[in-house]
Every structure is written in C-alpha cells, then in structure tokens.
Amino acid sequence: MNTRIFPQFSPVVLALALLAAVLGTSGCIAVAAGAGAGAAAVAYVSGQLETTLNNDYESVVTATNRAIEQLGFAKISEKKDALVAVITVRNATDKKIEVRLDNAARKLTKVRIRVGVFGDEALSIAILDKIKANL
C-alpha cells in the first residue's frame, strides 16, 4: 500500500514547495543583492532594512541628514557618538522612522532603517536610495 499523499511528487519537491510557500507568505524576510561591483546586499528582516555601505561613518551620517531634509521628514532626535548614530524622524503620516548607523570599520558603515512598529519595506528602500544618492 502506498502511504504517500502525493505519489507523483518526490519528497524533495514537496519540501521545497512547502518552504517556498512559507517564505512567500510570511512577509518577514526579503533579501536583494545590489547590482554592480562593490554593491552591498540589502536584507529586509522582521520589518527592518539592513545593509552595509562602503563609505566612512561621518559621510553616511551627513548623507542621511541630507536625505531626511530632502524627503521632508520632521527630525525628532539625533543621538550620535564616534561609533553609533540614531536619527529618529516622522513622515507626513506621522510614522516614526528610525535610522541607525554603526561605524563598522574605516570605510564601512552598517545602516538599519525601521519604519513604524511593523516596518515598511518600500519606504525603507526609498530612504536608503536617497541616502546613497547623497554619498
């Protein structure tokens, strides 16, 4: 007697289909690799966008502040020392946006962007793109 539920599919195919369905419907994880040489990977995990830029920390802080101004966000606070900067802003719909910049190395800055409690991937990517445009 054949105990397989779907005898025409191998167990490996079923496992891959199940994994794809779970990841596709969760909305928690998305990873995109940047195009071109020197582009860093961008990960969107649990409502937070994360990437590392090949730029020095002070340049990224300056570019982030310019991006915030250009996007018309209202700055709530900025806390900065030699290793970490946390910039909190609100957009026109009063969503809280937090940009955290970590001085990872001489020409390496880790960027984390969270929009609201649950995140907004499209807005996070738009903010990152504006930061990159100012570098």
N, C-alpha and C. Protein backbone atom coordinates (compact mmCIF):
# COMPACT_ATOMS: atom_id res chain seq x y z
N MET A 1 0.84 -1.18 0.00
CA MET A 1 0.00 0.00 0.00
C MET A 1 0.88 1.24 0.00
N ASN A 2 0.56 2.19 -0.87
CA ASN A 2 1.33 3.43 -0.99
C ASN A 2 0.79 4.43 0.02
N THR A 3 1.64 4.87 0.97
CA THR A 3 1.21 5.79 2.02
C THR A 3 1.51 7.24 1.68
N ARG A 4 2.09 7.50 0.53
CA ARG A 4 2.40 8.87 0.15
C ARG A 4 1.12 9.61 -0.22
N ILE A 5 1.01 10.85 0.22
CA ILE A 5 -0.18 11.65 -0.06
C ILE A 5 -0.22 12.07 -1.52
N PHE A 6 0.91 12.51 -2.05
CA PHE A 6 1.01 12.91 -3.44
C PHE A 6 2.05 12.02 -4.11
N PRO A 7 1.68 10.85 -4.56
CA PRO A 7 2.66 9.90 -5.08
C PRO A 7 3.40 10.38 -6.32
N GLN A 8 2.87 11.33 -7.07
CA GLN A 8 3.54 11.79 -8.28
C GLN A 8 4.68 12.76 -7.99
N PHE A 9 4.81 13.28 -6.76
CA PHE A 9 5.85 14.22 -6.39
C PHE A 9 6.84 13.56 -5.43
N SER A 10 8.11 13.85 -5.62
CA SER A 10 9.12 13.32 -4.71
C SER A 10 9.08 14.10 -3.40
N PRO A 11 9.56 13.52 -2.31
CA PRO A 11 9.60 14.24 -1.03
C PRO A 11 10.42 15.53 -1.09
N VAL A 12 11.47 15.56 -1.90
CA VAL A 12 12.30 16.75 -2.02
C VAL A 12 11.51 17.89 -2.67
N VAL A 13 10.75 17.58 -3.71
CA VAL A 13 9.94 18.59 -4.39
C VAL A 13 8.88 19.13 -3.44
N LEU A 14 8.25 18.25 -2.68
CA LEU A 14 7.23 18.69 -1.72
C LEU A 14 7.84 19.57 -0.63
N ALA A 15 9.02 19.21 -0.14
CA ALA A 15 9.68 20.01 0.90
C ALA A 15 10.04 21.40 0.36
N LEU A 16 10.55 21.46 -0.85
CA LEU A 16 10.89 22.76 -1.45
C LEU A 16 9.65 23.61 -1.69
N ALA A 17 8.56 22.98 -2.13
CA ALA A 17 7.32 23.72 -2.35
C ALA A 17 6.77 24.26 -1.04
N LEU A 18 6.84 23.46 0.01
CA LEU A 18 6.37 23.90 1.33
C LEU A 18 7.22 25.06 1.85
N LEU A 19 8.53 24.96 1.70
CA LEU A 19 9.43 26.03 2.13
C LEU A 19 9.14 27.32 1.36
N ALA A 20 8.96 27.21 0.06
CA ALA A 20 8.66 28.39 -0.75
C ALA A 20 7.34 29.02 -0.34
N ALA A 21 6.35 28.20 -0.03
CA ALA A 21 5.04 28.72 0.39
C ALA A 21 5.15 29.44 1.72
N VAL A 22 5.89 28.88 2.66
CA VAL A 22 6.04 29.52 3.97
C VAL A 22 6.78 30.84 3.85
N LEU A 23 7.89 30.85 3.12
CA LEU A 23 8.66 32.08 2.97
C LEU A 23 7.91 33.12 2.14
N GLY A 24 7.17 32.67 1.17
CA GLY A 24 6.44 33.58 0.30
C GLY A 24 5.27 34.26 0.97
N THR A 25 4.70 33.64 1.98
CA THR A 25 3.53 34.22 2.64
C THR A 25 3.85 34.89 3.96
N SER A 26 5.06 34.70 4.48
CA SER A 26 5.36 35.25 5.79
C SER A 26 5.56 36.76 5.76
N GLY A 27 6.15 37.29 4.70
CA GLY A 27 6.41 38.72 4.60
C GLY A 27 7.47 39.21 5.56
N CYS A 28 8.19 38.31 6.19
CA CYS A 28 9.18 38.71 7.18
C CYS A 28 10.59 38.81 6.63
N ILE A 29 10.88 38.08 5.57
CA ILE A 29 12.24 38.05 5.09
C ILE A 29 12.27 38.35 3.59
N ALA A 30 13.08 39.29 3.22
CA ALA A 30 13.33 39.55 1.81
C ALA A 30 14.78 39.97 1.69
N VAL A 31 15.48 39.38 0.74
CA VAL A 31 16.88 39.72 0.54
C VAL A 31 17.09 40.05 -0.92
N ALA A 32 17.77 41.14 -1.16
CA ALA A 32 18.07 41.55 -2.54
C ALA A 32 19.54 41.91 -2.62
N ALA A 33 20.20 41.40 -3.63
CA ALA A 33 21.61 41.73 -3.82
C ALA A 33 21.69 42.91 -4.77
N GLY A 34 22.52 43.87 -4.43
CA GLY A 34 22.69 45.05 -5.28
C GLY A 34 23.41 44.70 -6.57
N ALA A 35 23.17 45.47 -7.58
CA ALA A 35 23.79 45.25 -8.87
C ALA A 35 25.10 46.01 -8.96
N GLY A 36 26.03 45.47 -9.72
CA GLY A 36 27.28 46.17 -9.97
C GLY A 36 28.36 45.84 -8.95
N ALA A 37 29.57 46.19 -9.30
CA ALA A 37 30.70 45.92 -8.42
C ALA A 37 30.63 46.79 -7.18
N GLY A 38 30.96 46.21 -6.05
CA GLY A 38 31.01 46.96 -4.81
C GLY A 38 29.66 47.18 -4.15
N ALA A 39 28.59 46.68 -4.76
CA ALA A 39 27.26 46.87 -4.18
C ALA A 39 27.07 45.89 -3.03
N ALA A 40 26.51 46.36 -1.94
CA ALA A 40 26.30 45.52 -0.77
C ALA A 40 24.91 44.90 -0.84
N ALA A 41 24.75 43.78 -0.16
CA ALA A 41 23.45 43.13 -0.08
C ALA A 41 22.55 43.92 0.85
N VAL A 42 21.27 43.92 0.54
CA VAL A 42 20.28 44.58 1.37
C VAL A 42 19.33 43.51 1.88
N ALA A 43 19.12 43.47 3.18
CA ALA A 43 18.21 42.49 3.77
C ALA A 43 17.08 43.22 4.46
N TYR A 44 15.87 42.70 4.28
CA TYR A 44 14.71 43.24 4.98
C TYR A 44 14.19 42.11 5.87
N VAL A 45 14.48 42.22 7.17
CA VAL A 45 14.17 41.14 8.11
C VAL A 45 13.32 41.67 9.24
N SER A 46 12.20 41.05 9.46
CA SER A 46 11.30 41.39 10.57
C SER A 46 10.99 42.88 10.64
N GLY A 47 10.73 43.49 9.49
CA GLY A 47 10.34 44.89 9.46
C GLY A 47 11.48 45.88 9.47
N GLN A 48 12.71 45.41 9.38
CA GLN A 48 13.86 46.31 9.42
C GLN A 48 14.77 46.06 8.22
N LEU A 49 15.13 47.12 7.52
CA LEU A 49 16.06 47.03 6.41
C LEU A 49 17.47 47.14 6.95
N GLU A 50 18.36 46.28 6.48
CA GLU A 50 19.75 46.30 6.93
C GLU A 50 20.68 46.17 5.74
N THR A 51 21.73 46.97 5.74
CA THR A 51 22.77 46.88 4.72
C THR A 51 24.06 47.47 5.28
N THR A 52 25.12 47.28 4.54
CA THR A 52 26.40 47.88 4.89
C THR A 52 26.88 48.68 3.68
N LEU A 53 27.23 49.93 3.91
CA LEU A 53 27.71 50.80 2.84
C LEU A 53 29.22 50.91 2.90
N ASN A 54 29.86 50.94 1.76
CA ASN A 54 31.31 51.08 1.67
C ASN A 54 31.70 52.56 1.69
N ASN A 55 31.25 53.24 2.74
CA ASN A 55 31.54 54.66 2.93
C ASN A 55 31.86 54.89 4.39
N ASP A 56 32.65 55.91 4.67
CA ASP A 56 33.00 56.19 6.06
C ASP A 56 31.78 56.70 6.83
N TYR A 57 31.81 56.48 8.10
CA TYR A 57 30.70 56.76 9.02
C TYR A 57 30.23 58.21 8.94
N GLU A 58 31.14 59.17 9.01
CA GLU A 58 30.75 60.59 9.00
C GLU A 58 30.05 60.97 7.70
N SER A 59 30.51 60.44 6.58
CA SER A 59 29.86 60.72 5.29
C SER A 59 28.44 60.17 5.25
N VAL A 60 28.24 58.99 5.82
CA VAL A 60 26.90 58.38 5.82
C VAL A 60 25.97 59.15 6.76
N VAL A 61 26.48 59.62 7.89
CA VAL A 61 25.66 60.44 8.80
C VAL A 61 25.23 61.72 8.08
N THR A 62 26.16 62.37 7.41
CA THR A 62 25.84 63.60 6.67
C THR A 62 24.83 63.32 5.55
N ALA A 63 25.04 62.24 4.81
CA ALA A 63 24.13 61.88 3.71
C ALA A 63 22.74 61.54 4.24
N THR A 64 22.67 60.92 5.40
CA THR A 64 21.38 60.57 6.00
C THR A 64 20.62 61.84 6.39
N ASN A 65 21.32 62.78 7.01
CA ASN A 65 20.67 64.05 7.38
C ASN A 65 20.19 64.82 6.15
N ARG A 66 20.97 64.79 5.07
CA ARG A 66 20.52 65.44 3.83
C ARG A 66 19.29 64.74 3.26
N ALA A 67 19.30 63.41 3.28
CA ALA A 67 18.18 62.63 2.76
C ALA A 67 16.90 62.94 3.54
N ILE A 68 17.01 63.03 4.85
CA ILE A 68 15.86 63.34 5.71
C ILE A 68 15.29 64.70 5.35
N GLU A 69 16.17 65.66 5.15
CA GLU A 69 15.74 67.01 4.77
C GLU A 69 15.07 67.01 3.39
N GLN A 70 15.67 66.32 2.43
CA GLN A 70 15.13 66.27 1.07
C GLN A 70 13.78 65.56 1.02
N LEU A 71 13.59 64.56 1.88
CA LEU A 71 12.33 63.83 1.91
C LEU A 71 11.25 64.57 2.69
N GLY A 72 11.62 65.64 3.38
CA GLY A 72 10.66 66.46 4.11
C GLY A 72 10.21 65.86 5.43
N PHE A 73 11.03 64.98 6.00
CA PHE A 73 10.69 64.38 7.29
C PHE A 73 10.99 65.36 8.42
N ALA A 74 10.24 65.26 9.50
CA ALA A 74 10.47 66.09 10.68
C ALA A 74 11.40 65.34 11.63
N LYS A 75 12.57 65.93 11.90
CA LYS A 75 13.52 65.27 12.80
C LYS A 75 13.05 65.41 14.23
N ILE A 76 12.97 64.29 14.93
CA ILE A 76 12.56 64.24 16.33
C ILE A 76 13.80 64.29 17.23
N SER A 77 14.80 63.46 16.88
CA SER A 77 16.01 63.45 17.68
C SER A 77 17.17 62.88 16.88
N GLU A 78 18.38 63.22 17.34
CA GLU A 78 19.60 62.64 16.78
C GLU A 78 20.57 62.43 17.93
N LYS A 79 20.96 61.18 18.12
CA LYS A 79 21.95 60.84 19.13
C LYS A 79 23.15 60.27 18.38
N LYS A 80 24.33 60.84 18.64
CA LYS A 80 25.50 60.43 17.88
C LYS A 80 26.74 60.48 18.75
N ASP A 81 27.56 59.44 18.59
CA ASP A 81 28.91 59.46 19.14
C ASP A 81 29.84 58.95 18.05
N ALA A 82 31.04 58.56 18.40
CA ALA A 82 32.01 58.14 17.39
C ALA A 82 31.69 56.79 16.76
N LEU A 83 30.81 56.01 17.39
CA LEU A 83 30.53 54.67 16.91
C LEU A 83 29.11 54.44 16.40
N VAL A 84 28.14 55.17 16.94
CA VAL A 84 26.74 54.94 16.61
C VAL A 84 26.00 56.26 16.47
N ALA A 85 25.13 56.32 15.47
CA ALA A 85 24.21 57.46 15.34
C ALA A 85 22.81 56.88 15.20
N VAL A 86 21.87 57.45 15.94
CA VAL A 86 20.46 57.05 15.85
C VAL A 86 19.67 58.32 15.56
N ILE A 87 19.06 58.34 14.38
CA ILE A 87 18.28 59.51 13.95
C ILE A 87 16.82 59.09 13.87
N THR A 88 15.98 59.80 14.60
CA THR A 88 14.55 59.49 14.64
C THR A 88 13.79 60.63 13.99
N VAL A 89 12.92 60.28 13.05
CA VAL A 89 12.12 61.27 12.32
C VAL A 89 10.68 60.78 12.23
N ARG A 90 9.81 61.68 11.76
CA ARG A 90 8.41 61.32 11.46
C ARG A 90 8.10 61.83 10.08
N ASN A 91 7.31 61.04 9.34
CA ASN A 91 6.92 61.47 7.99
C ASN A 91 5.56 62.16 8.05
N ALA A 92 5.00 62.49 6.89
CA ALA A 92 3.75 63.25 6.82
C ALA A 92 2.56 62.49 7.41
N THR A 93 2.64 61.16 7.43
CA THR A 93 1.56 60.38 8.04
C THR A 93 1.84 60.07 9.50
N ASP A 94 2.84 60.75 10.07
CA ASP A 94 3.23 60.64 11.47
C ASP A 94 3.80 59.27 11.84
N LYS A 95 4.33 58.54 10.84
CA LYS A 95 5.01 57.29 11.14
C LYS A 95 6.40 57.59 11.68
N LYS A 96 6.76 56.90 12.74
CA LYS A 96 8.09 57.05 13.31
C LYS A 96 9.07 56.24 12.46
N ILE A 97 10.17 56.88 12.10
CA ILE A 97 11.21 56.24 11.30
C ILE A 97 12.52 56.38 12.07
N GLU A 98 13.20 55.26 12.27
CA GLU A 98 14.47 55.29 12.97
C GLU A 98 15.57 54.77 12.05
N VAL A 99 16.62 55.58 11.90
CA VAL A 99 17.78 55.20 11.11
C VAL A 99 18.94 55.05 12.07
N ARG A 100 19.52 53.86 12.11
CA ARG A 100 20.67 53.60 12.98
C ARG A 100 21.88 53.35 12.10
N LEU A 101 22.96 54.07 12.39
CA LEU A 101 24.20 53.94 11.64
C LEU A 101 25.29 53.50 12.60
N ASP A 102 25.98 52.42 12.25
CA ASP A 102 27.06 51.89 13.08
C ASP A 102 28.38 52.01 12.34
N ASN A 103 29.37 52.59 12.99
CA ASN A 103 30.72 52.71 12.44
C ASN A 103 31.36 51.33 12.52
N ALA A 104 31.31 50.58 11.41
CA ALA A 104 31.77 49.20 11.41
C ALA A 104 33.28 49.07 11.19
N ALA A 105 33.85 49.95 10.38
CA ALA A 105 35.28 49.94 10.09
C ALA A 105 35.64 51.27 9.43
N ARG A 106 36.87 51.40 8.99
CA ARG A 106 37.34 52.68 8.44
C ARG A 106 36.45 53.20 7.31
N LYS A 107 36.10 52.39 6.37
CA LYS A 107 35.24 52.82 5.26
C LYS A 107 34.05 51.88 5.14
N LEU A 108 33.43 51.57 6.27
CA LEU A 108 32.31 50.65 6.30
C LEU A 108 31.30 51.11 7.34
N THR A 109 30.07 51.32 6.92
CA THR A 109 29.02 51.78 7.84
C THR A 109 27.80 50.88 7.69
N LYS A 110 27.35 50.33 8.80
CA LYS A 110 26.15 49.50 8.80
C LYS A 110 24.94 50.41 8.97
N VAL A 111 23.93 50.20 8.12
CA VAL A 111 22.73 51.03 8.13
C VAL A 111 21.53 50.14 8.44
N ARG A 112 20.70 50.59 9.39
CA ARG A 112 19.45 49.90 9.72
C ARG A 112 18.33 50.93 9.69
N ILE A 113 17.25 50.60 8.99
CA ILE A 113 16.11 51.51 8.88
C ILE A 113 14.85 50.76 9.29
N ARG A 114 14.12 51.33 10.25
CA ARG A 114 12.82 50.77 10.67
C ARG A 114 11.77 51.86 10.55
N VAL A 115 10.66 51.51 9.91
CA VAL A 115 9.53 52.42 9.75
C VAL A 115 8.39 51.88 10.59
N GLY A 116 7.96 52.66 11.58
CA GLY A 116 6.86 52.23 12.43
C GLY A 116 7.20 50.98 13.22
N VAL A 117 6.18 50.32 13.71
CA VAL A 117 6.38 49.12 14.52
C VAL A 117 6.63 47.91 13.64
N PHE A 118 5.88 47.80 12.56
CA PHE A 118 5.94 46.60 11.73
C PHE A 118 6.82 46.75 10.50
N GLY A 119 7.27 47.96 10.21
CA GLY A 119 8.13 48.18 9.06
C GLY A 119 7.36 48.52 7.80
N ASP A 120 8.06 49.07 6.85
CA ASP A 120 7.53 49.41 5.53
C ASP A 120 8.70 49.27 4.56
N GLU A 121 8.74 48.15 3.86
CA GLU A 121 9.88 47.84 3.01
C GLU A 121 10.08 48.88 1.92
N ALA A 122 9.01 49.27 1.24
CA ALA A 122 9.13 50.23 0.13
C ALA A 122 9.68 51.57 0.62
N LEU A 123 9.16 52.07 1.73
CA LEU A 123 9.64 53.34 2.28
C LEU A 123 11.08 53.22 2.76
N SER A 124 11.42 52.11 3.37
CA SER A 124 12.79 51.89 3.84
C SER A 124 13.77 51.90 2.67
N ILE A 125 13.40 51.27 1.57
CA ILE A 125 14.27 51.25 0.38
C ILE A 125 14.39 52.64 -0.22
N ALA A 126 13.29 53.39 -0.22
CA ALA A 126 13.33 54.76 -0.74
C ALA A 126 14.27 55.63 0.09
N ILE A 127 14.24 55.47 1.40
CA ILE A 127 15.13 56.22 2.29
C ILE A 127 16.59 55.83 2.01
N LEU A 128 16.86 54.54 1.92
CA LEU A 128 18.21 54.07 1.63
C LEU A 128 18.70 54.61 0.29
N ASP A 129 17.84 54.58 -0.72
CA ASP A 129 18.23 55.11 -2.03
C ASP A 129 18.59 56.60 -1.96
N LYS A 130 17.84 57.34 -1.16
CA LYS A 130 18.11 58.77 -1.01
C LYS A 130 19.42 58.99 -0.26
N ILE A 131 19.69 58.16 0.73
CA ILE A 131 20.98 58.25 1.45
C ILE A 131 22.12 57.99 0.47
N LYS A 132 22.00 56.93 -0.33
CA LYS A 132 23.05 56.59 -1.30
C LYS A 132 23.25 57.71 -2.32
N ALA A 133 22.17 58.36 -2.73
CA ALA A 133 22.26 59.45 -3.70
C ALA A 133 23.05 60.64 -3.15
N ASN A 134 23.08 60.76 -1.83
CA ASN A 134 23.80 61.88 -1.19
C ASN A 134 25.25 61.54 -0.84
N LEU A 135 25.67 60.36 -1.13
CA LEU A 135 27.06 59.97 -0.82
C LEU A 135 28.00 60.37 -1.95
